[in-house]
């Protein structure tokens, strides 16, 4: 007998309006079920001008066209004899002036022990289970995926004003947020790029593991989640860059997709225990790191009473003299990364190293400024403190610590020592983000990182993206 259980509260109470939009005839059919009421969300009748290949005449129509674009990309990628239904709406989601939930999506039901299930006693998301069973397992009248998107984004002072969704189809979002990229990301979650085990407690859903658990492995002990106890899984989800994906499909194509890992090499007579290679998060602005490393003595900026250096205002003559021709070490905080980089560049620095001010793992530096011409990276707090300690006895113009910003050709960005792609496992549990995303330090940026990056290509497959290979690992 097949087992099924709703992962989320049933959507039967939702009112269905307008019509559905069918996916193109392809390897799979994805049907968007518009659940918005009249004049709301997908039915918003506010007039709109065509933008970026989206010729809808209203806001609601353009939202639907963008959704169809994302659905068509997935329809051409996956295969299934069962049409996939997505119950979708635009509605208010949590946000403030500086950040917002862009959207959410997931399987509406999960199934175990259905006909032709590859693994017994294992949860599979509804759309995938139906594909594998070759029959629609969903409760009659139910969708396979539930998706919601923020209707207030960029339109109100308390919801990232000025940073709304870009509804064009041409990836020219500029300072806006590319809706098609967001839709591709959330549809992937609904197709199964998510775990049904409770990451905050480590408990299996209703005592049964999900297919996801078979592929998660803790780097520290090479132990799979399927073989862990609840407490071990809970600790693994907050390990901080210690969780990897052990799937064959992803592993085989990782080297085709990911670039060499950016690297900070520390050397010099005063370097001491700080000597050696250090992981960094590379900046989205300025020149990208390459085999021709940028090197110089590392010099700290000190412009605060507590001994830290923020570099948010033009440097004093002493700090400018210290960083000129060298690599500057500054602290995170107060102003944007591009502001710090411009100020250091104007003072003559050859590069910038930003020290994190929390215990979080290394992550990239965001921002855009074509005027920045020096490389910039972020290091974690522990590495920064180690470097500051090594430079305590420096002179005004020399520290005895040499920094080289380049790449490590033997390592791939966002992977562990055996080139398995790491999953997002921050030291502080992040509901909805932990475990069910790739690590933030993959390069190029991947669709299934926890945040949407502006350089995504509307692609879900190699050689640009690793989303589809992971879905293949779980059964697609």
Protein backbone atom coordinates (compact mmCIF):
# COMPACT_ATOMS: atom_id res chain seq x y z
CA UNK A 1 0.00 0.00 0.00
CA UNK A 2 1.27 3.45 -0.81
CA UNK A 3 1.78 5.98 1.95
CA UNK A 4 1.09 9.64 1.48
CA UNK A 5 0.97 12.55 3.80
CA UNK A 6 0.67 16.31 3.17
CA UNK A 7 3.93 18.09 3.79
CA UNK A 8 2.13 21.42 3.99
CA UNK A 9 -1.42 22.26 4.97
CA UNK A 10 -3.80 21.36 2.20
CA UNK A 11 -4.67 24.18 -0.20
CA UNK A 12 -8.30 23.10 -0.65
CA UNK A 13 -9.55 26.30 0.96
CA UNK A 14 -7.93 28.45 -1.69
CA UNK A 15 -10.24 30.03 -4.24
CA UNK A 16 -9.29 29.37 -7.87
CA UNK A 17 -9.90 32.16 -10.36
CA UNK A 18 -9.34 32.87 -14.02
CA UNK A 19 -7.81 30.04 -15.90
CA UNK A 20 -4.73 27.85 -16.03
CA UNK A 21 -1.79 28.34 -18.32
CA UNK A 22 -0.50 25.13 -19.83
CA UNK A 23 3.16 24.35 -20.33
CA UNK A 24 4.57 23.83 -23.79
CA UNK A 25 4.48 20.32 -25.26
CA UNK A 26 7.90 19.02 -24.35
CA UNK A 27 9.61 16.46 -22.13
CA UNK A 28 7.20 17.40 -19.35
CA UNK A 29 4.11 19.55 -19.04
CA UNK A 30 3.96 22.10 -16.24
CA UNK A 31 0.60 23.76 -15.69
CA UNK A 32 0.34 26.97 -13.69
CA UNK A 33 -2.86 27.18 -11.66
CA UNK A 34 -3.60 30.83 -10.87
CA UNK A 35 -5.00 30.98 -7.31
CA UNK A 36 -5.21 34.76 -7.03
CA UNK A 37 -8.53 36.55 -6.58
CA UNK A 38 -9.66 39.11 -9.21
CA UNK A 39 -7.47 42.24 -9.46
CA UNK A 40 -4.79 40.68 -7.25
CA UNK A 41 -1.41 39.14 -8.08
CA UNK A 42 -1.59 37.41 -11.44
CA UNK A 43 -4.90 39.18 -12.04
CA UNK A 44 -3.59 42.68 -11.24
CA UNK A 45 -5.06 44.88 -13.98
CA UNK A 46 -2.59 47.75 -13.51
CA UNK A 47 -1.43 48.76 -17.04
CA UNK A 48 2.17 47.90 -17.90
CA UNK A 49 4.47 48.62 -20.83
CA UNK A 50 6.22 45.73 -22.57
CA UNK A 51 9.65 45.06 -21.10
CA UNK A 52 12.50 42.77 -22.11
CA UNK A 53 10.45 40.56 -24.43
CA UNK A 54 7.49 40.40 -22.06
CA UNK A 55 4.59 41.90 -23.99
CA UNK A 56 1.90 41.61 -21.33
CA UNK A 57 -0.27 44.72 -21.06
CA UNK A 58 -0.93 44.51 -17.32
CA UNK A 59 1.24 43.74 -14.27
CA UNK A 60 -0.70 40.52 -13.73
CA UNK A 61 -0.28 39.39 -17.32
CA UNK A 62 3.44 40.07 -17.25
CA UNK A 63 3.79 38.05 -14.05
CA UNK A 64 2.04 35.10 -15.69
CA UNK A 65 4.21 35.37 -18.81
CA UNK A 66 7.37 35.39 -16.70
CA UNK A 67 6.11 32.35 -14.80
CA UNK A 68 5.40 30.58 -18.07
CA UNK A 69 8.93 31.34 -19.25
CA UNK A 70 10.36 29.62 -16.17
CA UNK A 71 7.91 26.73 -16.47
CA UNK A 72 8.87 26.22 -20.12
CA UNK A 73 12.57 26.06 -19.24
CA UNK A 74 11.88 23.31 -16.72
CA UNK A 75 9.46 21.60 -19.11
CA UNK A 76 12.24 21.29 -21.68
CA UNK A 77 14.66 19.95 -19.06
CA UNK A 78 12.84 17.26 -17.09
CA UNK A 79 10.75 14.31 -18.25
CA UNK A 80 7.50 13.03 -16.81
CA UNK A 81 4.43 11.26 -18.21
CA UNK A 82 2.32 13.04 -15.57
CA UNK A 83 1.50 16.74 -16.05
CA UNK A 84 2.82 18.79 -13.12
CA UNK A 85 0.44 21.29 -11.53
CA UNK A 86 1.74 24.37 -9.73
CA UNK A 87 -0.70 26.29 -7.54
CA UNK A 88 0.75 29.81 -7.71
CA UNK A 89 -0.04 33.25 -6.35
CA UNK A 90 1.41 36.67 -5.65
CA UNK A 91 0.67 37.76 -2.08
CA UNK A 92 2.27 39.77 0.74
CA UNK A 93 5.33 38.01 2.16
CA UNK A 94 7.70 39.14 4.97
CA UNK A 95 9.87 42.11 4.06
CA UNK A 96 11.34 45.36 5.32
CA UNK A 97 13.21 48.29 3.81
CA UNK A 98 16.46 46.32 3.53
CA UNK A 99 15.45 42.72 2.82
CA UNK A 100 12.58 40.51 1.80
CA UNK A 101 11.34 37.01 1.18
CA UNK A 102 11.12 36.94 -2.62
CA UNK A 103 9.11 33.76 -2.82
CA UNK A 104 8.63 30.25 -1.52
CA UNK A 105 7.70 26.94 -3.04
CA UNK A 106 7.68 23.29 -2.17
CA UNK A 107 6.01 19.96 -2.64
CA UNK A 108 2.42 20.00 -1.41
CA UNK A 109 2.46 16.27 -0.67
CA UNK A 110 5.12 13.61 -0.20
CA UNK A 111 4.82 9.89 -0.91
CA UNK A 112 6.55 6.68 0.15
CA UNK A 113 6.28 3.04 -0.93
CA UNK A 114 4.33 3.83 -4.08
CA UNK A 115 4.50 1.49 -7.09
CA UNK A 116 8.02 1.46 -8.59
CA UNK A 117 9.49 3.54 -5.78
CA UNK A 118 13.31 3.25 -6.13
CA UNK A 119 13.81 3.11 -2.35
CA UNK A 120 11.42 1.64 0.19
CA UNK A 121 10.31 3.55 3.28
CA UNK A 122 11.52 6.85 1.76
CA UNK A 123 9.70 10.12 1.11
CA UNK A 124 9.60 11.52 -2.42
CA UNK A 125 8.05 14.88 -3.45
CA UNK A 126 4.70 14.57 -5.20
CA UNK A 127 5.77 15.53 -8.74
CA UNK A 128 8.74 13.14 -8.68
CA UNK A 129 6.77 10.31 -7.08
CA UNK A 130 4.11 10.63 -9.78
CA UNK A 131 6.78 10.54 -12.50
CA UNK A 132 8.34 7.40 -11.03
CA UNK A 133 4.98 5.69 -10.51
CA UNK A 134 3.89 6.77 -14.00
CA UNK A 135 0.53 7.81 -12.58
CA UNK A 136 -0.72 10.89 -10.75
CA UNK A 137 -0.49 10.18 -7.02
CA UNK A 138 -1.73 13.61 -5.91
CA UNK A 139 -4.96 13.91 -3.98
CA UNK A 140 -7.70 14.66 -6.52
CA UNK A 141 -7.94 18.41 -7.04
CA UNK A 142 -4.55 19.09 -5.44
CA UNK A 143 -1.48 20.57 -7.12
CA UNK A 144 1.93 18.93 -6.87
CA UNK A 145 3.69 22.21 -6.00
CA UNK A 146 2.59 25.27 -4.03
CA UNK A 147 4.37 28.54 -4.93
CA UNK A 148 3.99 32.05 -3.50
CA UNK A 149 5.74 35.27 -4.52
CA UNK A 150 5.99 38.66 -2.87
CA UNK A 151 3.35 41.05 -4.23
CA UNK A 152 4.68 44.03 -2.25
CA UNK A 153 8.34 43.85 -3.30
CA UNK A 154 9.67 47.26 -4.31
CA UNK A 155 6.21 48.81 -4.32
CA UNK A 156 6.03 50.02 -0.71
CA UNK A 157 8.44 51.97 1.54
CA UNK A 158 8.65 49.05 3.99
CA UNK A 159 9.46 46.41 1.34
CA UNK A 160 12.80 47.12 -0.39
CA UNK A 161 11.61 50.26 -2.18
CA UNK A 162 13.06 50.62 -5.67
CA UNK A 163 14.15 46.97 -5.81
CA UNK A 164 11.08 45.32 -7.28
CA UNK A 165 10.82 42.37 -9.62
CA UNK A 166 12.08 42.77 -13.17
CA UNK A 167 9.42 41.18 -15.37
CA UNK A 168 11.46 41.05 -18.59
CA UNK A 169 12.64 37.76 -20.07
CA UNK A 170 16.06 38.95 -21.27
CA UNK A 171 18.15 38.87 -18.04
CA UNK A 172 18.60 42.67 -18.11
CA UNK A 173 17.35 43.23 -14.57
CA UNK A 174 19.91 45.87 -13.62
CA UNK A 175 19.26 46.93 -10.02
CA UNK A 176 15.95 45.06 -9.93
CA UNK A 177 15.42 41.39 -9.04
CA UNK A 178 15.04 39.02 -11.97
CA UNK A 179 11.65 37.36 -11.52
CA UNK A 180 12.36 34.55 -14.00
CA UNK A 181 15.46 33.55 -11.99
CA UNK A 182 13.41 33.56 -8.78
CA UNK A 183 10.72 31.43 -10.44
CA UNK A 184 13.27 28.92 -11.74
CA UNK A 185 14.74 28.66 -8.25
CA UNK A 186 11.40 28.12 -6.52
CA UNK A 187 10.15 25.63 -9.11
CA UNK A 188 13.31 23.59 -8.46
CA UNK A 189 12.38 23.44 -4.78
CA UNK A 190 8.93 22.23 -5.71
CA UNK A 191 10.38 19.54 -7.98
CA UNK A 192 12.42 18.20 -5.09
CA UNK A 193 15.40 20.43 -4.38
CA UNK A 194 14.43 20.34 -0.70
CA UNK A 195 14.69 18.14 2.35
CA UNK A 196 11.67 16.90 4.29
CA UNK A 197 13.66 16.00 7.39
CA UNK A 198 13.44 18.65 10.12
CA UNK A 199 16.85 20.33 9.88
CA UNK A 200 16.37 22.09 13.22
CA UNK A 201 15.92 18.82 15.16
CA UNK A 202 17.30 16.20 12.79
CA UNK A 203 14.06 14.21 13.01
CA UNK A 204 12.81 12.34 9.95
CA UNK A 205 9.33 13.39 8.79
CA UNK A 206 6.93 10.94 10.46
CA UNK A 207 9.93 8.75 11.20
CA UNK A 208 10.78 8.17 7.53
CA UNK A 209 13.86 9.57 5.72
CA UNK A 210 13.51 11.51 2.50
CA UNK A 211 15.41 10.72 -0.68
CA UNK A 212 17.46 13.87 0.04
CA UNK A 213 18.94 12.30 3.18
CA UNK A 214 20.69 9.59 1.16
CA UNK A 215 22.95 12.15 -0.53
CA UNK A 216 23.89 14.48 2.35
CA UNK A 217 27.25 13.68 3.91
CA UNK A 218 29.09 15.38 6.77
CA UNK A 219 32.61 16.22 5.62
CA UNK A 220 34.07 15.79 9.10
CA UNK A 221 33.31 12.09 9.42
CA UNK A 222 32.12 11.16 5.90
CA UNK A 223 28.87 9.97 7.43
CA UNK A 224 25.62 10.09 5.48
CA UNK A 225 22.49 11.62 6.97
CA UNK A 226 20.65 8.36 6.41
CA UNK A 227 23.05 6.72 8.88
CA UNK A 228 22.98 9.45 11.53
CA UNK A 229 20.95 9.87 14.67
CA UNK A 230 18.66 12.91 15.05
CA UNK A 231 21.16 14.91 17.11
CA UNK A 232 23.95 14.19 14.63
CA UNK A 233 21.80 15.51 11.77
CA UNK A 234 20.89 18.61 13.78
CA UNK A 235 24.55 19.40 14.41
CA UNK A 236 25.46 18.66 10.81
CA UNK A 237 22.94 21.25 9.54
CA UNK A 238 24.76 23.99 11.45
CA UNK A 239 28.30 22.75 10.95
CA UNK A 240 29.51 25.73 8.92
CA UNK A 241 30.80 24.56 5.52
CA UNK A 242 30.87 20.91 6.62
CA UNK A 243 28.01 19.38 4.60
CA UNK A 244 28.36 18.06 1.05
CA UNK A 245 26.20 16.46 -1.67
CA UNK A 246 27.34 12.94 -2.47
CA UNK A 247 25.41 12.37 -5.70
CA UNK A 248 27.00 10.81 -8.78
CA UNK A 249 25.25 13.02 -11.36
CA UNK A 250 26.42 16.23 -9.69
CA UNK A 251 29.92 14.89 -9.05
CA UNK A 252 30.50 13.94 -12.69
CA UNK A 253 29.82 17.43 -14.02
CA UNK A 254 31.12 19.62 -11.21
CA UNK A 255 34.45 20.29 -12.92
CA UNK A 256 32.58 21.40 -16.08
CA UNK A 257 30.56 23.98 -14.16
CA UNK A 258 32.60 25.35 -11.25
CA UNK A 259 35.72 27.49 -11.52
CA UNK A 260 38.93 27.20 -9.54
CA UNK A 261 38.64 28.26 -5.93
CA UNK A 262 39.73 31.83 -5.09
CA UNK A 263 42.54 31.86 -2.61
CA UNK A 264 44.44 34.09 -0.19
CA UNK A 265 48.02 32.90 0.28
CA UNK A 266 49.82 34.32 3.29
CA UNK A 267 53.60 34.23 3.65
CA UNK A 268 56.43 36.37 5.00
CA UNK A 269 58.80 36.50 7.96
CA UNK A 270 56.14 37.74 10.39
CA UNK A 271 53.27 35.55 9.14
CA UNK A 272 53.80 32.80 11.71
CA UNK A 273 50.76 30.55 12.19
CA UNK A 274 48.82 32.58 9.61
CA UNK A 275 51.07 31.26 6.82
CA UNK A 276 49.43 29.21 4.11
CA UNK A 277 46.27 29.15 2.04
CA UNK A 278 43.00 30.64 3.27
CA UNK A 279 39.48 30.37 1.87
CA UNK A 280 37.96 33.63 0.68
CA UNK A 281 34.72 34.94 -0.74
CA UNK A 282 35.37 36.79 -3.98
CA UNK A 283 33.79 40.14 -4.82
CA UNK A 284 31.18 40.57 -7.54
CA UNK A 285 32.89 43.88 -8.40
CA UNK A 286 36.42 44.67 -9.54
CA UNK A 287 38.73 42.26 -11.42
CA UNK A 288 38.20 38.55 -10.83
CA UNK A 289 41.03 36.56 -9.30
CA UNK A 290 43.14 34.50 -11.68
CA UNK A 291 46.40 32.61 -12.06
CA UNK A 292 48.34 35.89 -12.13
CA UNK A 293 47.97 36.68 -8.45
CA UNK A 294 47.96 40.22 -7.06
CA UNK A 295 50.46 40.38 -4.20
CA UNK A 296 51.73 42.90 -1.68
CA UNK A 297 52.37 43.33 2.01
CA UNK A 298 49.19 43.11 4.07
CA UNK A 299 48.56 46.30 6.06
CA UNK A 300 45.62 46.92 8.41
CA UNK A 301 43.55 50.10 8.28
CA UNK A 302 42.90 51.51 11.75
CA UNK A 303 40.40 54.36 11.92
CA UNK A 304 38.25 53.43 14.93
CA UNK A 305 38.89 53.88 18.64
CA UNK A 306 38.71 50.11 19.22
CA UNK A 307 41.54 49.44 16.79
CA UNK A 308 39.40 48.34 13.85
CA UNK A 309 39.35 49.92 10.42
CA UNK A 310 36.15 50.46 8.46
CA UNK A 311 37.50 52.54 5.54
CA UNK A 312 34.17 54.28 5.08
CA UNK A 313 35.69 57.75 4.83
CA UNK A 314 38.86 58.91 3.04
CA UNK A 315 41.92 57.49 4.78
CA UNK A 316 44.12 59.54 7.05
CA UNK A 317 47.62 60.30 5.74
CA UNK A 318 49.07 57.56 7.97
CA UNK A 319 46.62 54.91 6.73
CA UNK A 320 47.03 56.01 3.12
CA UNK A 321 50.82 55.69 3.45
CA UNK A 322 50.43 52.21 4.99
CA UNK A 323 48.22 50.75 2.22
CA UNK A 324 49.84 52.46 -0.79
CA UNK A 325 51.15 49.71 -3.07
CA UNK A 326 50.00 47.07 -0.56
CA UNK A 327 46.98 44.89 0.23
CA UNK A 328 44.66 46.55 2.76
CA UNK A 329 42.92 44.65 5.56
CA UNK A 330 39.66 46.28 6.72
CA UNK A 331 36.72 45.34 8.90
CA UNK A 332 33.20 44.73 7.68
CA UNK A 333 30.55 47.26 8.71
CA UNK A 334 28.93 50.70 8.39
CA UNK A 335 29.28 51.21 4.62
CA UNK A 336 29.09 49.10 1.46
CA UNK A 337 31.93 46.96 0.21
CA UNK A 338 32.26 48.99 -2.97
CA UNK A 339 32.60 52.17 -0.88
CA UNK A 340 35.48 50.62 1.04
CA UNK A 341 37.10 49.43 -2.20
CA UNK A 342 36.87 52.88 -3.84
CA UNK A 343 38.39 54.57 -0.80
CA UNK A 344 41.27 52.09 -0.64
CA UNK A 345 41.81 52.31 -4.38
CA UNK A 346 41.98 56.10 -4.16
CA UNK A 347 44.61 55.73 -1.44
CA UNK A 348 46.75 53.55 -3.72
CA UNK A 349 46.01 50.06 -2.35
CA UNK A 350 46.55 47.12 -4.72
CA UNK A 351 43.77 45.00 -3.22
CA UNK A 352 41.28 44.73 -0.35
CA UNK A 353 40.71 41.99 2.23
CA UNK A 354 37.54 42.39 4.31
CA UNK A 355 37.38 40.67 7.69
CA UNK A 356 33.95 39.28 8.65
CA UNK A 357 32.46 40.60 11.91
CA UNK A 358 30.46 37.46 12.73
CA UNK A 359 31.32 33.78 13.05
CA UNK A 360 29.57 32.95 9.75
CA UNK A 361 31.44 30.97 7.07
CA UNK A 362 33.16 32.80 4.24
CA UNK A 363 30.78 34.26 1.64
CA UNK A 364 31.22 36.52 -1.42
CA UNK A 365 31.28 40.31 -1.36
CA UNK A 366 28.23 41.79 -3.08
CA UNK A 367 27.93 45.05 -4.94
CA UNK A 368 28.42 46.65 -8.33
CA UNK A 369 30.75 49.48 -9.31
CA UNK A 370 32.61 49.56 -12.64
CA UNK A 371 34.96 52.18 -11.19
CA UNK A 372 36.56 49.63 -8.83
CA UNK A 373 39.75 48.29 -10.40
CA UNK A 374 41.35 46.44 -7.47
CA UNK A 375 40.54 42.85 -6.43
CA UNK A 376 38.63 42.31 -3.20
CA UNK A 377 37.87 39.29 -1.03
CA UNK A 378 36.26 38.45 2.31
CA UNK A 379 37.84 36.27 5.01
CA UNK A 380 36.22 34.83 8.11
CA UNK A 381 36.58 36.41 11.53
CA UNK A 382 39.01 33.80 12.88
CA UNK A 383 41.41 34.27 9.95
CA UNK A 384 41.19 38.05 10.30
CA UNK A 385 42.05 37.93 13.98
CA UNK A 386 44.98 35.64 13.23
CA UNK A 387 46.31 38.06 10.61
CA UNK A 388 45.89 41.08 12.89
CA UNK A 389 47.87 39.27 15.59
CA UNK A 390 50.67 38.56 13.10
CA UNK A 391 50.90 42.27 12.21
CA UNK A 392 51.05 43.70 15.74
CA UNK A 393 54.76 44.58 15.47
CA UNK A 394 54.61 46.18 12.04
CA UNK A 395 56.19 49.51 11.08
CA UNK A 396 54.26 52.34 9.43
CA UNK A 397 54.85 50.93 5.95
CA UNK A 398 55.72 47.25 6.44
CA UNK A 399 54.14 44.32 8.27
CA UNK A 400 56.35 41.41 7.28
CA UNK A 401 53.17 39.61 6.15
CA UNK A 402 52.70 39.09 2.41
CA UNK A 403 49.25 38.54 0.92
CA UNK A 404 48.69 37.03 -2.53
CA UNK A 405 45.18 37.12 -4.05
CA UNK A 406 44.75 34.44 -6.71
CA UNK A 407 43.26 31.01 -7.31
CA UNK A 408 44.07 27.45 -6.28
CA UNK A 409 43.93 25.44 -9.54
CA UNK A 410 43.70 22.16 -7.61
CA UNK A 411 40.43 23.11 -5.88
CA UNK A 412 36.99 23.93 -7.22
CA UNK A 413 34.96 26.72 -5.66
CA UNK A 414 32.25 25.60 -3.29
CA UNK A 415 33.52 22.03 -2.99
CA UNK A 416 35.16 19.90 -0.32
CA UNK A 417 38.58 18.23 -0.52
CA UNK A 418 37.27 15.45 -2.79
CA UNK A 419 35.34 17.88 -5.03
CA UNK A 420 31.86 17.18 -3.74
CA UNK A 421 29.72 20.32 -3.87
CA UNK A 422 29.04 21.70 -0.43
CA UNK A 423 25.54 22.48 0.81
CA UNK A 424 24.49 25.56 2.77
CA UNK A 425 25.05 24.81 6.46
CA UNK A 426 25.63 28.10 8.31
CA UNK A 427 26.64 28.01 11.95
CA UNK A 428 23.27 29.48 12.92
CA UNK A 429 20.28 27.51 11.61
CA UNK A 430 18.39 29.40 8.89
CA UNK A 431 14.82 28.08 8.41
CA UNK A 432 14.01 27.51 4.75
CA UNK A 433 17.63 28.02 3.67
CA UNK A 434 19.84 25.58 5.58
CA UNK A 435 20.61 22.26 3.88
CA UNK A 436 18.23 22.75 0.91
CA UNK A 437 20.60 25.02 -1.05
CA UNK A 438 24.10 24.94 -2.44
CA UNK A 439 26.88 26.74 -0.57
CA UNK A 440 27.18 30.49 -1.19
CA UNK A 441 30.79 30.30 -2.38
CA UNK A 442 30.24 28.45 -5.65
CA UNK A 443 31.69 30.21 -8.70
CA UNK A 444 30.05 31.00 -10.98
CA UNK A 445 27.02 31.66 -8.82
CA UNK A 446 24.50 28.84 -8.91
CA UNK A 447 20.73 29.12 -9.21
CA UNK A 448 20.18 27.15 -6.00
CA UNK A 449 22.24 29.25 -3.63
CA UNK A 450 20.10 30.71 -0.82
CA UNK A 451 20.07 34.17 -2.45
CA UNK A 452 19.36 35.18 -6.04
CA UNK A 453 22.47 36.68 -7.66
CA UNK A 454 22.30 39.18 -10.55
CA UNK A 455 24.55 37.16 -12.89
CA UNK A 456 22.33 34.08 -13.25
CA UNK A 457 21.76 32.92 -16.82
CA UNK A 458 18.23 31.42 -16.70
CA UNK A 459 19.97 28.07 -17.08
CA UNK A 460 19.48 24.98 -14.88
CA UNK A 461 21.95 22.54 -16.48
CA UNK A 462 25.67 22.18 -17.23
CA UNK A 463 27.90 23.77 -18.34
CA UNK A 464 26.46 26.71 -16.39
CA UNK A 465 24.43 25.26 -13.54
CA UNK A 466 24.18 22.24 -11.23
CA UNK A 467 20.47 22.31 -10.40
CA UNK A 468 19.26 19.66 -12.82
CA UNK A 469 22.09 17.18 -12.07
CA UNK A 470 21.05 17.19 -8.40
CA UNK A 471 17.43 16.56 -9.36
CA UNK A 472 18.70 13.68 -11.52
CA UNK A 473 20.47 12.25 -8.47
CA UNK A 474 17.16 12.03 -6.59
CA UNK A 475 15.33 10.44 -9.50
CA UNK A 476 14.42 12.95 -12.21
